[in-house]
Amino acid sequence: MFDANDLAVFPIDAWIADGVQWLALNLRPLFVAIKWPIENLLAFNDHILHAIPFPIFLVLSFLIAYRLASLGIAIFTAISFVVIASLGVWDESMTTLSLISTAIVISTVIGIPVGIWCAINNSVWQVVRPVLDIMQTTPTFVYLVPVVMLFGVGTVPGEVAVVIAAAPPLIRFTNLGIRMVETEMVEAGLAFGADRRQLLWEIQFPLAIPTILGGLNQTVLTAMVMSVVVAMIGAEGLGLVVLQGLGRLDVGRAAVGGIAIILLAMILDRITQKLAMPATSKPKRSFRTTLGTVLMGSRSKPSAGTA
């Protein structure tokens, strides 16, 4: 009887291990070059966040949340940070916040340009799409082994793993947002004499910003989840608090870390969600008025016949 176990087994695991080992030995300067800016940016953010006194940080976080979101979210942000400080994990929370903020910056620098490239070039999208599928469906723990072999252990390799996991949603949403711009708007822009660069930066990209911000929200949440996982390879922060609690069977310590992570994730989620809302909640304007505003900016005025 034919059985699946009778088939020849390809040594895929050995091939992958040999490939990663070859990369680690032969491309070491490349990975050092990748690690250097991440390490410096992470150290800078971590130093700034730890240097700000707690009362000043509380006021700044309230004002930033109020400016970017709403008064209710600002109050929730301030209360959440007070609760986190009361749990005794303030320093760990600032380390996690620096890890997340650095990952957001790097993911944005990488994700938005790649997403734009995918949106304007179908051939690039056909290549990038399966790569994103692999990156998003691969279990997060699988990232840790090659990252450790290529970058070592610690917070910086953990940051690399966070960026790898967090960047794909932003790439997808950027590509989707630009492709979803109404054909009428694109055709009207071409009729107004816009070239490809003007069409992208003055029509498609501004109209895609709400969708891109939705992708940024998913990137933030993914980075928050990964910040806990990367504690297994030596990354510091709240993830390490949870890991220590699990290792010592200290339920209270693990719960404290978990509560702080939840509050921090809720703060970032509410702010990034609110960023995408104003554009969609504005009153609808006529097609000509909207197009004129996008193309001409504040100088353009709707004609008398505009509805």
Foldseek 3Di string as FASTA:
>chain_A
DDDPVPDDDDPPVVVVVVVLLCCQVPVLVVLVVVLVVLVVQLVVQLVVLVPDDPVVVLVVQLVVLCVLFNNVLSVLLSVLLVVLVVLVQNSLASSLVSLLVSLLVVLVVPQQVLLVVVQVDVVSVVVVVVVLVCLAPPPLLVLQVSLCSRPNFEASSLSVSLNSNLNSLLSVLNSVQLNPQDPVLLVVCVVVPDDPVCSVPLPRNVRSVLSSLVSSLSSSLSSLVSQLVSVVRHYTHLSVQLVVCVVVVNVSSNVSSVSSSVSVNVSSNNSSNRNSPPVVPDDDADPVVVSQCSNPNPVDDDDPPGD
